[in-house]
Amino acid sequence: MVELGDKAPDFTLPNQDFEPVNLYEVLKRGRPAVLIFFPAAFSPVCTKELCTFRDKMAQLEKANAEVLAISVDSPWCLKKFKDENRLAFNLLSDYNREVIKLYNVYHEDLKGLKMVAKRAVFIVKPDGIVAYKWVTDNPLNEPDYDEVVREANKIAGELVA
């Protein structure tokens, strides 16, 4: 499992528009990346979670953070989910389940669904180091959104100093 202080595994995944998004290219912009792994688009808890992050975007933008939300859903599904929920950040399709394995954040079997993402949040600094990590085995648990914003702001402050 990826731990605090580790170099984050790099990846390239298609977004909701089938455009490739590479983690290290995002980090080259000098911004921290907030990686949000979620089990399934349109599920009640995932919808609430991503809409809460949507509502916190102004605070995350102050931290100069780029949000990348990752699930095993197809890009078509993610496009509809993004549009219906007016999400202003990229939704990435790990349809082949490579990145959830790299980060070791997956459920082998979640109510009959094989190999779906656990609910998890990582904040990766521009140098590729994992500065924040939250992972739950219970898909009903949500992250502490204010804590994620605080950590992103803390990292942004360190980058300026």
C-alpha atoms as a PDB file:
ATOM      1  CA  MET A   1       0.000   0.000   0.000  1.00  0.00           C
ATOM      2  CA  VAL A   2       1.160   3.539  -0.718  1.00  0.00           C
ATOM      3  CA  GLU A   3       2.135   5.225   2.544  1.00  0.00           C
ATOM      4  CA  LEU A   4       2.808   8.795   3.699  1.00  0.00           C
ATOM      5  CA  GLY A   5       6.210   9.918   2.493  1.00  0.00           C
ATOM      6  CA  ASP A   6       6.267   7.435  -0.410  1.00  0.00           C
ATOM      7  CA  LYS A   7       6.741   8.485  -4.005  1.00  0.00           C
ATOM      8  CA  ALA A   8       3.257   8.262  -5.522  1.00  0.00           C
ATOM      9  CA  PRO A   9       3.011   5.741  -8.339  1.00  0.00           C
ATOM     10  CA  ASP A  10       2.629   7.554 -11.651  1.00  0.00           C
ATOM     11  CA  PHE A  11      -0.269   6.716 -13.950  1.00  0.00           C
ATOM     12  CA  THR A  12      -2.109   7.817 -17.052  1.00  0.00           C
ATOM     13  CA  LEU A  13      -5.870   7.319 -17.236  1.00  0.00           C
ATOM     14  CA  PRO A  14      -8.550   8.578 -19.599  1.00  0.00           C
ATOM     15  CA  ASN A  15     -10.840  11.251 -18.240  1.00  0.00           C
ATOM     16  CA  GLN A  16     -14.566  11.531 -18.880  1.00  0.00           C
ATOM     17  CA  ASP A  17     -13.787  12.860 -22.384  1.00  0.00           C
ATOM     18  CA  PHE A  18     -11.298  10.063 -23.189  1.00  0.00           C
ATOM     19  CA  GLU A  19      -8.394  12.531 -22.843  1.00  0.00           C
ATOM     20  CA  PRO A  20      -5.321  11.021 -21.163  1.00  0.00           C
ATOM     21  CA  VAL A  21      -4.432  12.528 -17.798  1.00  0.00           C
ATOM     22  CA  ASN A  22      -1.000  11.771 -16.362  1.00  0.00           C
ATOM     23  CA  LEU A  23      -0.387  12.340 -12.653  1.00  0.00           C
ATOM     24  CA  TYR A  24       3.199  13.520 -13.062  1.00  0.00           C
ATOM     25  CA  GLU A  25       2.230  15.947 -15.847  1.00  0.00           C
ATOM     26  CA  VAL A  26      -0.324  17.455 -13.449  1.00  0.00           C
ATOM     27  CA  LEU A  27       2.340  17.689 -10.726  1.00  0.00           C
ATOM     28  CA  LYS A  28       4.764  19.440 -13.126  1.00  0.00           C
ATOM     29  CA  ARG A  29       2.414  22.441 -12.970  1.00  0.00           C
ATOM     30  CA  GLY A  30       3.647  22.960  -9.402  1.00  0.00           C
ATOM     31  CA  ARG A  31       0.287  22.109  -7.873  1.00  0.00           C
ATOM     32  CA  PRO A  32      -0.565  19.383  -5.383  1.00  0.00           C
ATOM     33  CA  ALA A  33      -2.936  16.715  -6.659  1.00  0.00           C
ATOM     34  CA  VAL A  34      -5.868  15.502  -4.592  1.00  0.00           C
ATOM     35  CA  LEU A  35      -6.593  11.931  -5.678  1.00  0.00           C
ATOM     36  CA  ILE A  36     -10.103  10.827  -4.738  1.00  0.00           C
ATOM     37  CA  PHE A  37     -10.758   7.118  -5.231  1.00  0.00           C
ATOM     38  CA  PHE A  38     -14.448   6.214  -5.138  1.00  0.00           C
ATOM     39  CA  PRO A  39     -16.336   2.931  -5.648  1.00  0.00           C
ATOM     40  CA  ALA A  40     -19.072   3.798  -8.144  1.00  0.00           C
ATOM     41  CA  ALA A  41     -20.582   6.744  -9.964  1.00  0.00           C
ATOM     42  CA  PHE A  42     -24.252   7.373  -9.180  1.00  0.00           C
ATOM     43  CA  SER A  43     -24.179   5.433  -5.899  1.00  0.00           C
ATOM     44  CA  PRO A  44     -25.647   7.530  -3.055  1.00  0.00           C
ATOM     45  CA  VAL A  45     -22.502   7.909  -0.924  1.00  0.00           C
ATOM     46  CA  CYS A  46     -20.211   8.533  -3.913  1.00  0.00           C
ATOM     47  CA  THR A  47     -22.581  11.160  -5.281  1.00  0.00           C
ATOM     48  CA  LYS A  48     -22.660  12.900  -1.893  1.00  0.00           C
ATOM     49  CA  GLU A  49     -18.871  12.683  -1.592  1.00  0.00           C
ATOM     50  CA  LEU A  50     -18.067  14.123  -5.007  1.00  0.00           C
ATOM     51  CA  CYS A  51     -20.710  16.829  -4.692  1.00  0.00           C
ATOM     52  CA  THR A  52     -19.197  17.803  -1.334  1.00  0.00           C
ATOM     53  CA  PHE A  53     -15.777  18.081  -2.987  1.00  0.00           C
ATOM     54  CA  ARG A  54     -17.448  20.101  -5.759  1.00  0.00           C
ATOM     55  CA  ASP A  55     -18.802  22.470  -3.117  1.00  0.00           C
ATOM     56  CA  LYS A  56     -15.333  22.747  -1.535  1.00  0.00           C
ATOM     57  CA  MET A  57     -13.605  23.506  -4.858  1.00  0.00           C
ATOM     58  CA  ALA A  58     -13.167  27.203  -4.085  1.00  0.00           C
ATOM     59  CA  GLN A  59     -11.246  26.267  -0.937  1.00  0.00           C
ATOM     60  CA  LEU A  60      -9.174  23.660  -2.793  1.00  0.00           C
ATOM     61  CA  GLU A  61      -8.433  26.151  -5.573  1.00  0.00           C
ATOM     62  CA  LYS A  62      -7.088  28.565  -2.931  1.00  0.00           C
ATOM     63  CA  ALA A  63      -4.665  25.761  -2.083  1.00  0.00           C
ATOM     64  CA  ASN A  64      -3.852  25.596  -5.808  1.00  0.00           C
ATOM     65  CA  ALA A  65      -4.790  21.906  -5.690  1.00  0.00           C
ATOM     66  CA  GLU A  66      -5.942  19.883  -8.674  1.00  0.00           C
ATOM     67  CA  VAL A  67      -8.620  17.290  -7.953  1.00  0.00           C
ATOM     68  CA  LEU A  68      -8.594  13.979  -9.822  1.00  0.00           C
ATOM     69  CA  ALA A  69     -11.412  11.582  -8.957  1.00  0.00           C
ATOM     70  CA  ILE A  70     -10.825   7.932  -9.898  1.00  0.00           C
ATOM     71  CA  SER A  71     -13.203   4.996 -10.222  1.00  0.00           C
ATOM     72  CA  VAL A  72     -13.458   1.832 -12.304  1.00  0.00           C
ATOM     73  CA  ASP A  73     -16.483   3.223 -14.167  1.00  0.00           C
ATOM     74  CA  SER A  74     -16.249   3.754 -17.931  1.00  0.00           C
ATOM     75  CA  PRO A  75     -15.516   7.225 -19.324  1.00  0.00           C
ATOM     76  CA  TRP A  76     -19.086   7.357 -20.715  1.00  0.00           C
ATOM     77  CA  CYS A  77     -20.563   6.742 -17.279  1.00  0.00           C
ATOM     78  CA  LEU A  78     -18.198   9.278 -15.704  1.00  0.00           C
ATOM     79  CA  LYS A  79     -19.136  11.903 -18.323  1.00  0.00           C
ATOM     80  CA  LYS A  80     -22.823  11.566 -17.479  1.00  0.00           C
ATOM     81  CA  PHE A  81     -22.055  11.575 -13.736  1.00  0.00           C
ATOM     82  CA  LYS A  82     -19.905  14.701 -14.108  1.00  0.00           C
ATOM     83  CA  ASP A  83     -22.509  16.526 -16.194  1.00  0.00           C
ATOM     84  CA  GLU A  84     -25.465  15.629 -13.982  1.00  0.00           C
ATOM     85  CA  ASN A  85     -23.636  16.722 -10.830  1.00  0.00           C
ATOM     86  CA  ARG A  86     -21.888  19.776 -12.349  1.00  0.00           C
ATOM     87  CA  LEU A  87     -18.468  18.573 -11.229  1.00  0.00           C
ATOM     88  CA  ALA A  88     -15.642  20.943 -12.159  1.00  0.00           C
ATOM     89  CA  PHE A  89     -12.786  18.443 -11.929  1.00  0.00           C
ATOM     90  CA  ASN A  90     -11.594  15.489 -13.970  1.00  0.00           C
ATOM     91  CA  LEU A  91     -13.109  12.069 -13.402  1.00  0.00           C
ATOM     92  CA  LEU A  92     -10.660   9.360 -14.404  1.00  0.00           C
ATOM     93  CA  SER A  93     -11.588   5.881 -15.576  1.00  0.00           C
ATOM     94  CA  ASP A  94      -9.510   3.059 -14.139  1.00  0.00           C
ATOM     95  CA  TYR A  95     -11.633   0.633 -16.125  1.00  0.00           C
ATOM     96  CA  ASN A  96      -8.765  -1.870 -16.341  1.00  0.00           C
ATOM     97  CA  ARG A  97      -8.218  -1.615 -12.571  1.00  0.00           C
ATOM     98  CA  GLU A  98      -4.507  -0.857 -12.865  1.00  0.00           C
ATOM     99  CA  VAL A  99      -4.288   2.221 -10.624  1.00  0.00           C
ATOM    100  CA  ILE A 100      -6.436   0.869  -7.795  1.00  0.00           C
ATOM    101  CA  LYS A 101      -4.022  -2.072  -7.737  1.00  0.00           C
ATOM    102  CA  LEU A 102      -0.959   0.238  -7.848  1.00  0.00           C
ATOM    103  CA  TYR A 103      -2.283   2.159  -4.838  1.00  0.00           C
ATOM    104  CA  ASN A 104      -3.728  -1.008  -3.245  1.00  0.00           C
ATOM    105  CA  VAL A 105      -7.109   0.637  -2.696  1.00  0.00           C
ATOM    106  CA  TYR A 106      -9.656  -1.863  -3.903  1.00  0.00           C
ATOM    107  CA  HIS A 107     -12.318  -4.217  -2.670  1.00  0.00           C
ATOM    108  CA  GLU A 108     -11.919  -7.764  -3.969  1.00  0.00           C
ATOM    109  CA  ASP A 109     -15.684  -8.161  -3.678  1.00  0.00           C
ATOM    110  CA  LEU A 110     -18.091  -5.394  -2.696  1.00  0.00           C
ATOM    111  CA  LYS A 111     -21.602  -6.853  -2.551  1.00  0.00           C
ATOM    112  CA  GLY A 112     -20.842  -8.957  -5.624  1.00  0.00           C
ATOM    113  CA  LEU A 113     -18.951  -6.237  -7.513  1.00  0.00           C
ATOM    114  CA  LYS A 114     -15.416  -7.452  -8.186  1.00  0.00           C
ATOM    115  CA  MET A 115     -12.399  -5.158  -7.927  1.00  0.00           C
ATOM    116  CA  VAL A 116     -13.920  -1.734  -7.268  1.00  0.00           C
ATOM    117  CA  ALA A 117     -12.075   1.174  -5.696  1.00  0.00           C
ATOM    118  CA  LYS A 118     -12.118   1.704  -1.968  1.00  0.00           C
ATOM    119  CA  ARG A 119     -13.052   5.156  -0.810  1.00  0.00           C
ATOM    120  CA  ALA A 120      -9.674   6.859  -0.380  1.00  0.00           C
ATOM    121  CA  VAL A 121      -8.005  10.264  -0.611  1.00  0.00           C
ATOM    122  CA  PHE A 122      -4.328  10.981  -1.252  1.00  0.00           C
ATOM    123  CA  ILE A 123      -2.705  14.380  -1.561  1.00  0.00           C
ATOM    124  CA  VAL A 124       0.459  14.293  -3.624  1.00  0.00           C
ATOM    125  CA  LYS A 125       2.913  17.187  -3.505  1.00  0.00           C
ATOM    126  CA  PRO A 126       4.411  18.495  -6.762  1.00  0.00           C
ATOM    127  CA  ASP A 127       7.587  16.510  -6.052  1.00  0.00           C
ATOM    128  CA  GLY A 128       5.488  13.319  -6.174  1.00  0.00           C
ATOM    129  CA  ILE A 129       5.581  12.616  -2.431  1.00  0.00           C
ATOM    130  CA  VAL A 130       2.384  11.495  -0.703  1.00  0.00           C
ATOM    131  CA  ALA A 131       1.662  14.092   1.990  1.00  0.00           C
ATOM    132  CA  TYR A 132      -1.814  12.941   3.040  1.00  0.00           C
ATOM    133  CA  LYS A 133      -3.572   9.597   3.011  1.00  0.00           C
ATOM    134  CA  TRP A 134      -7.017   8.468   4.093  1.00  0.00           C
ATOM    135  CA  VAL A 135      -8.394   5.015   3.198  1.00  0.00           C
ATOM    136  CA  THR A 136     -11.444   3.187   4.499  1.00  0.00           C
ATOM    137  CA  ASP A 137     -12.561  -0.404   4.125  1.00  0.00           C
ATOM    138  CA  ASN A 138     -16.167   0.648   4.789  1.00  0.00           C
ATOM    139  CA  PRO A 139     -17.651   2.195   1.623  1.00  0.00           C
ATOM    140  CA  LEU A 140     -20.247   4.023   3.713  1.00  0.00           C
ATOM    141  CA  ASN A 141     -17.560   6.085   5.476  1.00  0.00           C
ATOM    142  CA  GLU A 142     -16.696   9.487   4.027  1.00  0.00           C
ATOM    143  CA  PRO A 143     -13.474  11.431   4.397  1.00  0.00           C
ATOM    144  CA  ASP A 144     -13.195  14.429   6.698  1.00  0.00           C
ATOM    145  CA  TYR A 145     -13.632  17.031   3.956  1.00  0.00           C
ATOM    146  CA  ASP A 146     -12.420  19.913   6.114  1.00  0.00           C
ATOM    147  CA  GLU A 147      -9.288  17.932   6.989  1.00  0.00           C
ATOM    148  CA  VAL A 148      -8.572  17.378   3.277  1.00  0.00           C
ATOM    149  CA  VAL A 149      -8.916  21.124   2.628  1.00  0.00           C
ATOM    150  CA  ARG A 150      -6.706  21.947   5.652  1.00  0.00           C
ATOM    151  CA  GLU A 151      -4.002  19.533   4.454  1.00  0.00           C
ATOM    152  CA  ALA A 152      -4.141  20.902   0.905  1.00  0.00           C
ATOM    153  CA  ASN A 153      -3.787  24.443   2.268  1.00  0.00           C
ATOM    154  CA  LYS A 154      -0.915  23.356   4.520  1.00  0.00           C
ATOM    155  CA  ILE A 155       0.909  21.865   1.538  1.00  0.00           C
ATOM    156  CA  ALA A 156       0.240  25.008  -0.519  1.00  0.00           C
ATOM    157  CA  GLY A 157       1.709  27.101   2.312  1.00  0.00           C
ATOM    158  CA  GLU A 158       4.837  24.922   2.379  1.00  0.00           C
ATOM    159  CA  LEU A 159       5.251  25.382  -1.381  1.00  0.00           C
ATOM    160  CA  VAL A 160       5.147  29.179  -1.054  1.00  0.00           C
ATOM    161  CA  ALA A 161       7.490  29.331   1.941  1.00  0.00           C
END
